[in-house]
Protein backbone atom coordinates (compact mmCIF):
# COMPACT_ATOMS: atom_id res chain seq x y z
CA MET A 1 0.00 0.00 0.00
CA THR A 2 1.34 3.44 -0.92
CA THR A 3 0.56 6.56 1.00
CA SER A 4 0.94 10.06 -0.26
CA THR A 5 0.69 13.47 1.26
CA PRO A 6 -1.85 15.93 -0.16
CA ASP A 7 1.01 18.20 -1.25
CA SER A 8 2.80 15.55 -3.30
CA VAL A 9 2.56 15.63 -7.09
CA ARG A 10 3.24 12.57 -9.22
CA LEU A 11 3.81 12.58 -12.99
CA ALA A 12 1.69 9.47 -13.56
CA ASP A 13 -1.37 10.95 -11.84
CA THR A 14 -1.64 14.35 -13.51
CA GLN A 15 -2.30 15.22 -17.14
CA LEU A 16 -1.67 18.97 -16.98
CA TYR A 17 0.33 20.90 -14.40
CA ARG A 18 -0.13 24.49 -13.42
CA VAL A 19 3.10 26.45 -13.01
CA THR A 20 2.91 26.06 -9.22
CA ASP A 21 2.75 22.26 -9.64
CA ALA A 22 5.70 22.27 -12.05
CA MET A 23 7.62 24.37 -9.52
CA ARG A 24 7.20 21.59 -6.95
CA VAL A 25 7.99 18.76 -9.38
CA LEU A 26 11.11 20.44 -10.78
CA ARG A 27 12.06 22.20 -7.53
CA MET A 28 12.53 25.49 -9.35
CA SER A 29 11.28 28.98 -8.70
CA ARG A 30 8.37 30.57 -10.53
CA THR A 31 10.76 32.96 -12.27
CA VAL A 32 12.94 30.11 -13.56
CA ILE A 33 9.92 28.13 -14.79
CA TYR A 34 8.58 31.11 -16.76
CA GLU A 35 12.07 31.86 -18.14
CA GLN A 36 12.39 28.27 -19.37
CA ILE A 37 8.94 28.51 -20.96
CA ARG A 38 9.79 31.86 -22.57
CA THR A 39 13.01 30.50 -24.09
CA GLY A 40 11.26 27.34 -25.35
CA ARG A 41 13.24 24.93 -23.19
CA LEU A 42 10.09 23.92 -21.27
CA ARG A 43 7.02 23.51 -23.48
CA SER A 44 3.62 24.62 -22.26
CA VAL A 45 0.08 25.20 -23.48
CA LYS A 46 -2.49 27.84 -22.66
CA GLN A 47 -6.08 27.19 -21.69
CA GLY A 48 -7.78 30.52 -21.27
CA ARG A 49 -5.45 32.52 -19.04
CA ALA A 50 -3.83 29.45 -17.47
CA ARG A 51 -0.37 28.30 -18.52
CA LEU A 52 -0.24 24.48 -18.32
CA ILE A 53 2.63 22.02 -18.65
CA THR A 54 2.23 18.38 -19.72
CA PRO A 55 4.07 15.48 -18.05
CA GLY A 56 5.77 14.83 -21.40
CA ALA A 57 7.11 18.38 -21.47
CA ILE A 58 8.50 17.93 -17.95
CA ARG A 59 10.16 14.64 -18.92
CA ALA A 60 11.61 16.24 -22.07
CA TYR A 61 12.95 19.15 -20.02
CA ILE A 62 14.62 16.78 -17.55
CA ALA A 63 16.15 14.84 -20.47
CA LEU A 64 17.45 18.13 -21.90
CA LEU A 65 19.08 18.98 -18.57
CA GLU A 66 20.68 15.51 -18.40
CA LYS A 67 21.98 15.82 -21.98
CA GLU A 68 23.47 19.24 -21.24
CA ALA A 69 25.14 17.88 -18.10
CA GLU A 70 26.68 14.99 -20.05
CA GLU A 71 27.97 17.33 -22.76
CA ALA A 72 29.48 19.65 -20.18
CA ALA A 73 31.36 16.78 -18.49
């Protein structure tokens, strides 16, 4: 049996993340998240006024960070 806290966010459970959710998942500030979106490094979609991020976009962003780390080494 798995337990989870109400504050925890899991990639498998959510289809679209608000910026505040992505901040928790990626452990980055709001400013950094919006900067990554603005530069195209983190993909997002808009629904009305809300900026939403898919789990695939988060996984792709993490893969990009890993690739950059490998290239820098």
